[in-house]
Amino acid sequence: MEVLKLNISEKKLALYAVTDRKWLQPGQSLAQQVEQAILGGVTVVQLREKQIDEKEFLALAQEVKQVTDAYRIPLIINDNLAVAMAVDVAGVHVGQEDMAALEVRQKIGDKKVVGVSAQTVEQALAAEKAGADYLGVGAVFPTSSKADAVEVDFATLRAICQAVQIPVVAIGGISADNMSALKDSGIIGVAVISAIFGQNDVKAAAEQLMCNWQALQG
C-alpha cells in the first residue's frame, strides 16, 4: 500500500490540545488560553466548539488562528469543513458520525490535514484508505469531556497503531498522572482537553504534560 505524504509532521502531533470554552476562567478569552497552552508546549490545536453557531465559530476560528499562526502551530477545525476552508487553517478533524473522510479529502484537497476519529481497527483502516493524515483514537480512559465517548482498551489501541501506517494520537481522559499507561502502545502523541484547559494554570499544565510525554519516549 502506498504511504501518503503527511501534511503534518509527527512531532507536531505530540501534544494535541482540543479546546472547550466551558473551562474558560472569568475575564479570559479562548485565544488567551490557547496562547498559554502553546507557551507550555502544545504542538497542535484543535478548535472544537459544539455549542456555537456558524458565524460565531468563524469569528472564533479567525481569532484563534492569529495566535496559532504567530507561534507557527497548526490549527485544526473540528467537524466544520466550511469554517476550516474559509479561515484557511491547517486542516479539519472528523468523527465517525461526521462527514465521511473521503468526502472531506476530496473537498479540502491534498495539501490540507485530515484527521479522523477511530475506535476499531476496521475504522482506522478505512480512514487511512480514505486519505486521513492521522487518527485520533479513544476514549482510552473514562472522560467527562464527551458523554458518548466509546472507550478503547490498550489492546485495541495497540492493534490500531500496528495496523495503519499513519500516525495515531490517543485521546480521552488522558492526564499527566495516567499517561504512562499508554507506553509502548505505538501512539505518537496525546490529545487532551480538560488536562490543559480545565486547569487553573494552563501553561503549567501543558508543561507538565509535555514533560511526561517526553519521559514516556525514553
C-alpha atoms as a PDB file:
ATOM      1  CA  MET A   1       0.000   0.000   0.000  1.00  0.00           C
ATOM      2  CA  GLU A   2       1.239   3.449  -0.885  1.00  0.00           C
ATOM      3  CA  VAL A   3       2.042   5.595   2.119  1.00  0.00           C
ATOM      4  CA  LEU A   4       0.564   9.055   1.800  1.00  0.00           C
ATOM      5  CA  LYS A   5       2.841  12.026   2.289  1.00  0.00           C
ATOM      6  CA  LEU A   6       1.917  13.589   5.605  1.00  0.00           C
ATOM      7  CA  ASN A   7       0.590  17.115   5.620  1.00  0.00           C
ATOM      8  CA  ILE A   8       1.693  17.457   9.243  1.00  0.00           C
ATOM      9  CA  SER A   9       4.855  16.218  10.912  1.00  0.00           C
ATOM     10  CA  GLU A  10       4.627  13.612  13.663  1.00  0.00           C
ATOM     11  CA  LYS A  11       6.399  15.994  16.060  1.00  0.00           C
ATOM     12  CA  LYS A  12       3.522  18.431  15.630  1.00  0.00           C
ATOM     13  CA  LEU A  13       1.113  15.770  16.928  1.00  0.00           C
ATOM     14  CA  ALA A  14       2.935  15.145  20.222  1.00  0.00           C
ATOM     15  CA  LEU A  15       0.792  17.346  22.481  1.00  0.00           C
ATOM     16  CA  TYR A  16      -2.563  17.961  20.834  1.00  0.00           C
ATOM     17  CA  ALA A  17      -4.811  20.452  22.632  1.00  0.00           C
ATOM     18  CA  VAL A  18      -8.557  20.337  21.982  1.00  0.00           C
ATOM     19  CA  THR A  19     -10.480  23.434  23.037  1.00  0.00           C
ATOM     20  CA  ASP A  20     -13.633  23.641  25.128  1.00  0.00           C
ATOM     21  CA  ARG A  21     -14.854  27.055  26.212  1.00  0.00           C
ATOM     22  CA  LYS A  22     -16.715  25.669  29.227  1.00  0.00           C
ATOM     23  CA  TRP A  23     -13.343  25.694  31.013  1.00  0.00           C
ATOM     24  CA  LEU A  24     -12.738  29.394  30.419  1.00  0.00           C
ATOM     25  CA  GLN A  25     -11.951  31.372  33.543  1.00  0.00           C
ATOM     26  CA  PRO A  26     -13.648  34.746  34.118  1.00  0.00           C
ATOM     27  CA  GLY A  27     -12.089  37.550  32.099  1.00  0.00           C
ATOM     28  CA  GLN A  28     -10.076  35.218  29.877  1.00  0.00           C
ATOM     29  CA  SER A  29     -10.641  34.591  26.178  1.00  0.00           C
ATOM     30  CA  LEU A  30     -10.137  31.306  24.388  1.00  0.00           C
ATOM     31  CA  ALA A  31      -7.367  32.871  22.314  1.00  0.00           C
ATOM     32  CA  GLN A  32      -5.542  33.804  25.524  1.00  0.00           C
ATOM     33  CA  GLN A  33      -5.906  30.259  26.851  1.00  0.00           C
ATOM     34  CA  VAL A  34      -4.640  28.838  23.587  1.00  0.00           C
ATOM     35  CA  GLU A  35      -1.588  31.092  23.745  1.00  0.00           C
ATOM     36  CA  GLN A  36      -0.815  29.934  27.285  1.00  0.00           C
ATOM     37  CA  ALA A  37      -1.154  26.317  26.175  1.00  0.00           C
ATOM     38  CA  ILE A  38       1.250  26.883  23.288  1.00  0.00           C
ATOM     39  CA  LEU A  39       3.746  28.587  25.590  1.00  0.00           C
ATOM     40  CA  GLY A  40       3.534  25.480  27.763  1.00  0.00           C
ATOM     41  CA  GLY A  41       4.459  23.185  24.895  1.00  0.00           C
ATOM     42  CA  VAL A  42       1.309  22.371  22.939  1.00  0.00           C
ATOM     43  CA  THR A  43       2.255  21.422  19.381  1.00  0.00           C
ATOM     44  CA  VAL A  44      -1.135  21.485  17.616  1.00  0.00           C
ATOM     45  CA  VAL A  45      -4.530  22.968  18.465  1.00  0.00           C
ATOM     46  CA  GLN A  46      -7.971  21.704  17.519  1.00  0.00           C
ATOM     47  CA  LEU A  47     -10.835  24.190  17.737  1.00  0.00           C
ATOM     48  CA  ARG A  48     -13.775  22.103  18.946  1.00  0.00           C
ATOM     49  CA  GLU A  49     -16.778  24.198  19.887  1.00  0.00           C
ATOM     50  CA  LYS A  50     -20.111  22.412  19.506  1.00  0.00           C
ATOM     51  CA  GLN A  51     -22.405  24.942  21.141  1.00  0.00           C
ATOM     52  CA  ILE A  52     -21.986  27.991  18.882  1.00  0.00           C
ATOM     53  CA  ASP A  53     -23.465  28.971  15.537  1.00  0.00           C
ATOM     54  CA  GLU A  54     -21.589  29.189  12.244  1.00  0.00           C
ATOM     55  CA  LYS A  55     -20.996  32.934  12.370  1.00  0.00           C
ATOM     56  CA  GLU A  56     -19.604  32.823  15.903  1.00  0.00           C
ATOM     57  CA  PHE A  57     -17.488  29.764  15.101  1.00  0.00           C
ATOM     58  CA  LEU A  58     -15.992  31.544  12.096  1.00  0.00           C
ATOM     59  CA  ALA A  59     -15.100  34.622  14.153  1.00  0.00           C
ATOM     60  CA  LEU A  60     -13.614  32.478  16.911  1.00  0.00           C
ATOM     61  CA  ALA A  61     -11.550  30.495  14.398  1.00  0.00           C
ATOM     62  CA  GLN A  62     -10.136  33.697  12.933  1.00  0.00           C
ATOM     63  CA  GLU A  63      -9.217  34.968  16.399  1.00  0.00           C
ATOM     64  CA  VAL A  64      -7.535  31.735  17.473  1.00  0.00           C
ATOM     65  CA  LYS A  65      -5.719  31.402  14.146  1.00  0.00           C
ATOM     66  CA  GLN A  66      -3.971  34.729  14.754  1.00  0.00           C
ATOM     67  CA  VAL A  67      -2.432  33.155  17.860  1.00  0.00           C
ATOM     68  CA  THR A  68      -1.532  29.799  16.312  1.00  0.00           C
ATOM     69  CA  ASP A  69      -0.050  31.494  13.249  1.00  0.00           C
ATOM     70  CA  ALA A  70       2.099  33.717  15.452  1.00  0.00           C
ATOM     71  CA  TYR A  71       3.678  30.630  17.023  1.00  0.00           C
ATOM     72  CA  ARG A  72       3.686  28.529  13.836  1.00  0.00           C
ATOM     73  CA  ILE A  73       1.332  25.993  15.401  1.00  0.00           C
ATOM     74  CA  PRO A  74      -1.138  24.097  13.163  1.00  0.00           C
ATOM     75  CA  LEU A  75      -4.816  24.839  13.784  1.00  0.00           C
ATOM     76  CA  ILE A  76      -7.306  22.065  13.105  1.00  0.00           C
ATOM     77  CA  ILE A  77     -11.056  22.673  12.958  1.00  0.00           C
ATOM     78  CA  ASN A  78     -13.342  20.014  14.384  1.00  0.00           C
ATOM     79  CA  ASP A  79     -16.211  18.867  12.179  1.00  0.00           C
ATOM     80  CA  ASN A  80     -16.739  22.061  10.187  1.00  0.00           C
ATOM     81  CA  LEU A  81     -15.243  21.936   6.734  1.00  0.00           C
ATOM     82  CA  ALA A  82     -16.768  25.274   5.703  1.00  0.00           C
ATOM     83  CA  VAL A  83     -15.069  27.139   8.553  1.00  0.00           C
ATOM     84  CA  ALA A  84     -11.800  25.277   8.007  1.00  0.00           C
ATOM     85  CA  MET A  85     -11.714  26.330   4.362  1.00  0.00           C
ATOM     86  CA  ALA A  86     -12.920  29.889   4.984  1.00  0.00           C
ATOM     87  CA  VAL A  87     -10.240  30.579   7.590  1.00  0.00           C
ATOM     88  CA  ASP A  88      -7.578  28.591   5.704  1.00  0.00           C
ATOM     89  CA  VAL A  89      -6.422  26.586   8.698  1.00  0.00           C
ATOM     90  CA  ALA A  90      -4.095  23.587   8.574  1.00  0.00           C
ATOM     91  CA  GLY A  91      -6.933  21.108   8.335  1.00  0.00           C
ATOM     92  CA  VAL A  92     -10.068  19.501   9.702  1.00  0.00           C
ATOM     93  CA  HIS A  93     -10.876  16.607  12.049  1.00  0.00           C
ATOM     94  CA  VAL A  94     -13.995  14.479  11.677  1.00  0.00           C
ATOM     95  CA  GLY A  95     -15.597  11.739  13.739  1.00  0.00           C
ATOM     96  CA  GLN A  96     -17.363   8.592  12.634  1.00  0.00           C
ATOM     97  CA  GLU A  97     -20.732  10.373  12.687  1.00  0.00           C
ATOM     98  CA  ASP A  98     -19.487  13.420  10.769  1.00  0.00           C
ATOM     99  CA  MET A  99     -18.754  13.938   7.075  1.00  0.00           C
ATOM    100  CA  ALA A 100     -17.035  10.916   5.527  1.00  0.00           C
ATOM    101  CA  ALA A 101     -13.248  11.188   5.435  1.00  0.00           C
ATOM    102  CA  LEU A 102     -13.112  10.553   1.687  1.00  0.00           C
ATOM    103  CA  GLU A 103     -15.561  13.398   1.034  1.00  0.00           C
ATOM    104  CA  VAL A 104     -13.547  15.687   3.307  1.00  0.00           C
ATOM    105  CA  ARG A 105     -10.338  14.843   1.447  1.00  0.00           C
ATOM    106  CA  GLN A 106     -11.965  15.438  -1.931  1.00  0.00           C
ATOM    107  CA  LYS A 107     -13.282  18.844  -0.878  1.00  0.00           C
ATOM    108  CA  ILE A 108     -10.338  20.142   1.116  1.00  0.00           C
ATOM    109  CA  GLY A 109      -7.633  18.976  -1.295  1.00  0.00           C
ATOM    110  CA  ASP A 110      -4.333  17.185  -0.855  1.00  0.00           C
ATOM    111  CA  LYS A 111      -2.399  19.962   0.862  1.00  0.00           C
ATOM    112  CA  LYS A 112      -4.534  20.155   3.999  1.00  0.00           C
ATOM    113  CA  VAL A 113      -4.590  17.911   7.049  1.00  0.00           C
ATOM    114  CA  VAL A 114      -7.429  15.445   7.548  1.00  0.00           C
ATOM    115  CA  GLY A 115      -7.757  13.778  10.942  1.00  0.00           C
ATOM    116  CA  VAL A 116     -10.290  11.067  11.689  1.00  0.00           C
ATOM    117  CA  SER A 117     -11.566   9.589  14.947  1.00  0.00           C
ATOM    118  CA  ALA A 118     -11.495   5.804  15.162  1.00  0.00           C
ATOM    119  CA  GLN A 119     -12.354   3.207  17.779  1.00  0.00           C
ATOM    120  CA  THR A 120     -11.690  -0.028  15.880  1.00  0.00           C
ATOM    121  CA  VAL A 121      -9.077  -1.441  13.516  1.00  0.00           C
ATOM    122  CA  GLU A 122     -11.686  -1.533  10.755  1.00  0.00           C
ATOM    123  CA  GLN A 123     -12.490   2.164  11.177  1.00  0.00           C
ATOM    124  CA  ALA A 124      -8.798   3.002  11.273  1.00  0.00           C
ATOM    125  CA  LEU A 125      -8.015   1.150   8.061  1.00  0.00           C
ATOM    126  CA  ALA A 126     -10.999   2.722   6.303  1.00  0.00           C
ATOM    127  CA  ALA A 127      -9.893   6.209   7.382  1.00  0.00           C
ATOM    128  CA  GLU A 128      -6.355   5.576   6.183  1.00  0.00           C
ATOM    129  CA  LYS A 129      -7.641   4.353   2.821  1.00  0.00           C
ATOM    130  CA  ALA A 130      -9.853   7.443   2.541  1.00  0.00           C
ATOM    131  CA  GLY A 131      -6.858   9.746   2.869  1.00  0.00           C
ATOM    132  CA  ALA A 132      -6.585  10.546   6.568  1.00  0.00           C
ATOM    133  CA  ASP A 133      -3.255  12.035   7.676  1.00  0.00           C
ATOM    134  CA  TYR A 134      -3.625  10.874  11.283  1.00  0.00           C
ATOM    135  CA  LEU A 135      -6.078   9.137  13.601  1.00  0.00           C
ATOM    136  CA  GLY A 136      -7.480  10.201  16.944  1.00  0.00           C
ATOM    137  CA  VAL A 137      -8.201   7.009  18.892  1.00  0.00           C
ATOM    138  CA  GLY A 138     -10.196   6.856  22.087  1.00  0.00           C
ATOM    139  CA  ALA A 139     -11.510   7.300  24.604  1.00  0.00           C
ATOM    140  CA  VAL A 140      -8.523   5.483  26.091  1.00  0.00           C
ATOM    141  CA  PHE A 141      -9.662   6.415  29.634  1.00  0.00           C
ATOM    142  CA  PRO A 142     -13.070   7.427  31.013  1.00  0.00           C
ATOM    143  CA  THR A 143     -13.754  11.064  30.183  1.00  0.00           C
ATOM    144  CA  SER A 144     -16.281  13.702  31.150  1.00  0.00           C
ATOM    145  CA  SER A 145     -15.495  15.851  28.102  1.00  0.00           C
ATOM    146  CA  LYS A 146     -17.560  13.706  25.759  1.00  0.00           C
ATOM    147  CA  ALA A 147     -20.533  11.885  27.227  1.00  0.00           C
ATOM    148  CA  ASP A 148     -20.940   9.445  24.307  1.00  0.00           C
ATOM    149  CA  ALA A 149     -17.247   8.554  24.004  1.00  0.00           C
ATOM    150  CA  VAL A 150     -16.553   4.879  23.337  1.00  0.00           C
ATOM    151  CA  GLU A 151     -13.768   3.505  25.492  1.00  0.00           C
ATOM    152  CA  VAL A 152     -10.893   1.858  23.629  1.00  0.00           C
ATOM    153  CA  ASP A 153      -8.778  -0.595  25.614  1.00  0.00           C
ATOM    154  CA  PHE A 154      -4.996  -0.778  25.405  1.00  0.00           C
ATOM    155  CA  ALA A 155      -5.013  -3.898  23.214  1.00  0.00           C
ATOM    156  CA  THR A 156      -7.254  -2.227  20.630  1.00  0.00           C
ATOM    157  CA  LEU A 157      -5.208   0.968  20.697  1.00  0.00           C
ATOM    158  CA  ARG A 158      -2.045  -1.017  20.068  1.00  0.00           C
ATOM    159  CA  ALA A 159      -3.701  -3.091  17.339  1.00  0.00           C
ATOM    160  CA  ILE A 160      -4.777   0.088  15.536  1.00  0.00           C
ATOM    161  CA  CYS A 161      -1.259   1.519  15.737  1.00  0.00           C
ATOM    162  CA  GLN A 162       0.141  -1.678  14.263  1.00  0.00           C
ATOM    163  CA  ALA A 163      -2.492  -1.914  11.519  1.00  0.00           C
ATOM    164  CA  VAL A 164      -2.026   1.532   9.950  1.00  0.00           C
ATOM    165  CA  GLN A 165       0.909   3.426   8.505  1.00  0.00           C
ATOM    166  CA  ILE A 166      -0.341   6.864   9.547  1.00  0.00           C
ATOM    167  CA  PRO A 167       0.247   8.428  12.994  1.00  0.00           C
ATOM    168  CA  VAL A 168      -2.116   7.662  15.856  1.00  0.00           C
ATOM    169  CA  VAL A 169      -2.926  10.089  18.649  1.00  0.00           C
ATOM    170  CA  ALA A 170      -4.630   8.809  21.794  1.00  0.00           C
ATOM    171  CA  ILE A 171      -7.485  10.840  23.281  1.00  0.00           C
ATOM    172  CA  GLY A 172      -9.941  10.614  26.121  1.00  0.00           C
ATOM    173  CA  GLY A 173      -9.369  11.112  29.833  1.00  0.00           C
ATOM    174  CA  ILE A 174      -5.602  11.477  29.454  1.00  0.00           C
ATOM    175  CA  SER A 175      -3.777  13.302  32.236  1.00  0.00           C
ATOM    176  CA  ALA A 176      -0.236  13.776  33.457  1.00  0.00           C
ATOM    177  CA  ASP A 177      -0.922  11.064  36.046  1.00  0.00           C
ATOM    178  CA  ASN A 178      -2.173   8.272  33.763  1.00  0.00           C
ATOM    179  CA  MET A 179      -0.224   8.942  30.566  1.00  0.00           C
ATOM    180  CA  SER A 180       2.422   6.355  31.475  1.00  0.00           C
ATOM    181  CA  ALA A 181      -0.166   3.594  30.968  1.00  0.00           C
ATOM    182  CA  LEU A 182      -0.007   4.315  27.230  1.00  0.00           C
ATOM    183  CA  LYS A 183       3.688   3.429  26.958  1.00  0.00           C
ATOM    184  CA  ASP A 184       4.527   1.001  24.139  1.00  0.00           C
ATOM    185  CA  SER A 185       1.106   1.361  22.531  1.00  0.00           C
ATOM    186  CA  GLY A 186       2.572   2.835  19.353  1.00  0.00           C
ATOM    187  CA  ILE A 187       0.969   6.274  19.595  1.00  0.00           C
ATOM    188  CA  ILE A 188       2.933   9.343  18.526  1.00  0.00           C
ATOM    189  CA  GLY A 189       1.018  11.833  20.645  1.00  0.00           C
ATOM    190  CA  VAL A 190      -1.728  12.536  23.152  1.00  0.00           C
ATOM    191  CA  ALA A 191      -4.779  14.760  22.749  1.00  0.00           C
ATOM    192  CA  VAL A 192      -6.225  16.431  25.822  1.00  0.00           C
ATOM    193  CA  ILE A 193      -8.977  18.866  26.736  1.00  0.00           C
ATOM    194  CA  SER A 194      -9.537  19.326  30.469  1.00  0.00           C
ATOM    195  CA  ALA A 195      -5.995  18.248  31.383  1.00  0.00           C
ATOM    196  CA  ILE A 196      -4.922  21.593  29.906  1.00  0.00           C
ATOM    197  CA  PHE A 197      -7.904  23.923  29.636  1.00  0.00           C
ATOM    198  CA  GLY A 198      -9.576  22.719  32.826  1.00  0.00           C
ATOM    199  CA  GLN A 199      -6.566  23.619  34.958  1.00  0.00           C
ATOM    200  CA  ASN A 200      -6.020  26.857  36.865  1.00  0.00           C
ATOM    201  CA  ASP A 201      -2.610  27.349  35.239  1.00  0.00           C
ATOM    202  CA  VAL A 202      -2.935  26.338  31.593  1.00  0.00           C
ATOM    203  CA  LYS A 203       0.717  26.945  30.761  1.00  0.00           C
ATOM    204  CA  ALA A 204       1.990  24.898  33.703  1.00  0.00           C
ATOM    205  CA  ALA A 205      -0.434  22.076  32.909  1.00  0.00           C
ATOM    206  CA  ALA A 206       0.813  21.916  29.321  1.00  0.00           C
ATOM    207  CA  GLU A 207       4.415  21.972  30.502  1.00  0.00           C
ATOM    208  CA  GLN A 208       3.801  19.007  32.807  1.00  0.00           C
ATOM    209  CA  LEU A 209       2.051  17.032  30.093  1.00  0.00           C
ATOM    210  CA  MET A 210       4.879  17.638  27.641  1.00  0.00           C
ATOM    211  CA  CYS A 211       7.451  16.712  30.268  1.00  0.00           C
ATOM    212  CA  ASN A 212       5.640  13.434  30.963  1.00  0.00           C
ATOM    213  CA  TRP A 213       5.235  12.727  27.255  1.00  0.00           C
ATOM    214  CA  GLN A 214       8.952  13.214  26.650  1.00  0.00           C
ATOM    215  CA  ALA A 215       9.738  10.927  29.580  1.00  0.00           C
ATOM    216  CA  LEU A 216       7.462   8.306  28.031  1.00  0.00           C
ATOM    217  CA  GLN A 217       9.628   8.306  24.914  1.00  0.00           C
ATOM    218  CA  GLY A 218      12.778   7.479  26.865  1.00  0.00           C
END
